[in-house]
Protein backbone atom coordinates (compact mmCIF):
# COMPACT_ATOMS: atom_id res chain seq x y z
CA MET A 1 -6.24 13.92 -15.32
CA TRP A 2 -3.69 11.11 -15.31
CA TRP A 3 -3.90 10.95 -11.51
CA LEU A 4 -7.63 10.17 -11.71
CA LEU A 5 -7.00 7.49 -14.36
CA LEU A 6 -4.28 5.94 -12.19
CA ASN A 7 -6.57 5.77 -9.12
CA VAL A 8 -9.48 4.32 -11.10
CA SER A 9 -7.34 1.71 -12.86
CA LEU A 10 -5.70 0.64 -9.59
CA GLY A 11 -9.11 0.54 -7.91
CA ILE A 12 -10.48 -1.71 -10.66
CA TRP A 13 -7.45 -4.00 -10.33
CA ALA A 14 -7.89 -4.15 -6.52
CA VAL A 15 -11.59 -5.09 -6.77
CA ILE A 16 -10.89 -7.79 -9.39
CA ASP A 17 -8.00 -9.12 -7.28
CA ALA A 18 -10.16 -9.13 -4.13
CA LYS A 19 -12.84 -11.17 -5.91
CA LYS A 20 -10.25 -13.68 -7.16
CA ARG A 21 -8.86 -14.01 -3.63
CA GLN A 22 -12.35 -14.41 -2.13
CA GLU A 23 -11.97 -11.43 0.22
CA LYS A 24 -14.79 -11.00 2.75
CA SER A 25 -14.52 -7.19 2.78
CA MET A 26 -14.33 -4.95 -0.28
CA LEU A 27 -13.69 -1.84 1.85
CA PHE A 28 -10.01 -1.22 1.03
CA PRO A 29 -10.24 -2.28 -2.63
CA GLY A 30 -13.30 -0.05 -3.04
CA LEU A 31 -11.65 2.93 -1.35
CA SER A 32 -8.65 2.51 -3.67
CA PHE A 33 -10.74 4.24 -6.35
CA PHE A 34 -10.57 7.46 -4.33
CA ALA A 35 -7.28 7.32 -2.43
CA ALA A 36 -5.07 4.60 -3.86
CA PRO A 37 -1.85 5.79 -2.10
CA ILE A 38 -3.43 5.02 1.28
CA PHE A 39 -5.84 2.14 0.78
CA LEU A 40 -4.12 0.06 -1.92
CA PRO A 41 -0.99 -0.63 0.19
CA ALA A 42 -3.22 -1.53 3.16
CA TYR A 43 -5.23 -3.92 0.98
CA ILE A 44 -2.13 -5.57 -0.49
CA ALA A 45 -0.61 -6.01 3.00
CA GLY A 46 -3.69 -7.77 4.33
CA ARG A 47 -5.17 -9.66 1.38
CA ASN A 48 -5.58 -13.43 1.34
CA LEU A 49 -2.48 -15.21 0.10
CA LYS A 50 -2.71 -17.80 -2.66
CA GLU A 51 -0.95 -21.16 -2.58
CA GLY A 52 2.82 -20.63 -2.68
CA GLU A 53 2.74 -16.92 -1.78
CA VAL A 54 4.67 -15.70 1.26
CA ARG A 55 4.34 -12.45 3.23
CA LYS A 56 7.15 -11.56 5.67
CA GLY A 57 7.70 -8.84 8.25
CA GLY A 58 4.26 -8.21 9.71
CA LYS A 59 1.39 -5.95 8.67
CA ALA A 60 3.06 -2.58 9.46
CA TRP A 61 6.17 -3.42 7.43
CA ASN A 62 4.12 -4.63 4.48
CA ILE A 63 1.91 -1.53 4.45
CA LEU A 64 4.92 0.82 4.58
CA LYS A 65 6.84 -1.20 1.99
CA ASN A 66 3.86 -1.01 -0.38
CA ILE A 67 3.49 2.74 0.28
CA ALA A 68 7.15 3.17 -0.75
CA LEU A 69 6.53 1.13 -3.90
CA PHE A 70 3.41 3.11 -4.76
CA TRP A 71 5.27 6.36 -4.00
CA THR A 72 7.97 5.32 -6.49
CA ILE A 73 5.44 4.54 -9.24
CA MET A 74 3.57 7.79 -8.58
CA TYR A 75 6.69 9.95 -8.69
CA ALA A 76 7.91 8.23 -11.86
CA ALA A 77 4.59 9.24 -13.45
CA PHE A 78 5.00 12.78 -12.06
CA GLY A 79 8.49 12.96 -13.56
CA ILE A 80 7.37 11.78 -16.98
CA SER A 81 4.40 14.15 -17.00
CA SER A 82 6.62 17.11 -16.03
CA LEU A 83 8.69 16.63 -19.20
CA PHE A 84 5.75 17.08 -21.57
CA PRO A 85 5.38 20.87 -21.21
CA ALA A 86 9.03 21.37 -22.19
CA VAL A 87 8.76 19.06 -25.20
CA GLY A 88 5.54 20.41 -26.66
CA THR A 89 5.71 24.11 -25.84
CA GLY A 90 5.78 25.33 -29.42
CA THR A 91 7.91 28.27 -28.33
CA ALA A 92 8.75 31.04 -30.74
CA SER A 93 12.41 31.46 -29.85
CA GLU A 94 15.34 29.41 -28.67
CA LEU A 95 15.49 31.36 -25.41
CA GLN A 96 11.91 30.46 -24.56
CA TYR A 97 12.62 26.83 -25.36
CA ALA A 98 15.78 26.89 -23.21
CA GLY A 99 13.76 28.37 -20.34
CA ALA A 100 11.12 25.66 -20.66
CA VAL A 101 13.77 22.92 -20.65
CA THR A 102 15.53 24.48 -17.64
CA GLY A 103 12.21 24.65 -15.80
CA ALA A 104 11.55 21.00 -16.55
CA ASP A 105 15.04 20.12 -15.28
CA LEU A 106 14.44 21.98 -12.02
CA ASP A 107 11.06 20.30 -11.72
CA MET A 108 12.76 16.91 -12.05
CA VAL A 109 15.25 17.83 -9.29
CA PHE A 110 12.40 18.70 -6.92
CA ILE A 111 10.44 15.56 -7.86
CA VAL A 112 13.45 13.30 -7.25
CA GLY A 113 14.16 15.06 -3.94
CA GLN A 114 10.59 14.63 -2.73
CA TRP A 115 10.57 10.98 -3.81
CA PHE A 116 13.88 10.29 -2.07
CA CYS A 117 12.92 11.94 1.24
CA GLY A 118 9.49 10.30 1.32
CA THR A 119 10.74 6.85 0.40
CA ILE A 120 13.65 6.90 2.84
CA GLY A 121 11.38 8.14 5.64
CA VAL A 122 8.76 5.45 5.07
CA LEU A 123 11.32 2.67 4.74
CA LEU A 124 13.18 3.76 7.90
CA VAL A 125 9.97 3.69 9.95
CA GLY A 126 9.06 0.37 8.33
CA THR A 127 12.46 -1.09 9.20
CA PHE A 128 11.92 -0.27 12.88
CA LEU A 129 8.43 -1.83 12.79
CA LYS A 130 9.47 -4.93 10.85
CA LYS A 131 8.94 -8.23 12.65
CA SER A 132 11.27 -10.73 11.00
CA ALA A 133 9.70 -13.61 12.90
CA VAL A 134 6.30 -13.03 11.28
CA VAL A 135 6.01 -15.12 8.12
CA GLU A 136 2.66 -15.91 6.49
CA ASN A 137 2.48 -18.74 3.99
CA GLY A 138 -0.40 -19.08 1.57
CA PRO A 139 -3.12 -19.98 1.34
CA THR A 140 -4.68 -17.75 4.04
CA GLY A 141 -8.18 -16.55 4.89
CA THR A 142 -11.04 -17.94 2.85
CA LEU A 143 -8.58 -19.41 0.34
CA ALA A 144 -7.42 -21.73 3.13
CA GLY A 145 -10.97 -22.62 4.13
CA HIS A 146 -11.11 -20.39 7.24
CA THR A 147 -14.63 -19.16 7.80
CA ASP A 148 -14.76 -18.28 11.50
CA ALA A 149 -15.19 -14.64 12.52
CA GLU A 150 -11.72 -14.34 14.04
CA ASN A 151 -10.02 -14.91 10.69
CA ASP A 152 -12.28 -12.43 8.89
CA LEU A 153 -11.12 -9.51 11.03
CA PRO A 154 -8.10 -7.34 10.29
CA GLY A 155 -4.89 -8.26 12.15
CA PHE A 156 -5.24 -5.69 14.93
CA ALA A 157 -8.85 -6.64 15.71
CA SER A 158 -8.03 -10.34 15.91
CA GLU A 159 -5.10 -9.51 18.25
CA VAL A 160 -7.47 -7.60 20.56
CA ILE A 161 -9.90 -10.54 20.57
CA ASN A 162 -7.11 -13.03 21.39
CA VAL A 163 -5.75 -10.90 24.26
CA THR A 164 -9.27 -10.41 25.63
CA LYS A 165 -9.91 -14.17 25.52
CA LYS A 166 -6.67 -14.85 27.42
CA ARG A 167 -7.54 -12.27 30.10
CA ILE A 168 -11.03 -13.70 30.54
CA LYS A 169 -9.58 -17.21 30.94
CA LYS A 170 -7.13 -15.94 33.58
CA LYS A 171 -9.95 -14.28 35.52
CA ILE A 172 -12.09 -17.42 35.36
CA VAL A 173 -9.17 -19.52 36.66
CA PHE A 174 -8.56 -16.98 39.46
CA VAL A 175 -12.22 -16.99 40.51
CA ILE A 176 -12.32 -20.81 40.55
CA LYS A 177 -9.23 -21.05 42.79
């Protein structure tokens, strides 16, 4: 139940944040209601920056960094929720209570292990994909007054458009010569 509440609350925050930042697309904030671990980091990595905000490392690094952050928050919630059965078991004997506490301890070991492996894996991949030369300074997007179609597209799509434009220009120059 708490997982559903976490997704809905993060989805609500993402939609409110997207409206404040004058986002053109509500796709990722809207999908955060259903799959926040995937779409919320993607939204945060690509949202319009306000005045004074800085985003470093490129889109891939920022998505993976935010996945690691979300993973940490999620596993902290898992860890806290795994302690409740041991605390409120209402067991009849001390042996049953000791078994419940031992089970909760083992559960915590597995939760910490899964968190560690997942976080290290994501951050290692992100480190290899990080582009230190890419630095975005706010404001960006519609907050900076950009309204042309190229700035409304996600980073990859605008890259494809720019490369295509360059190739077309080269072909036109070649045909003219």
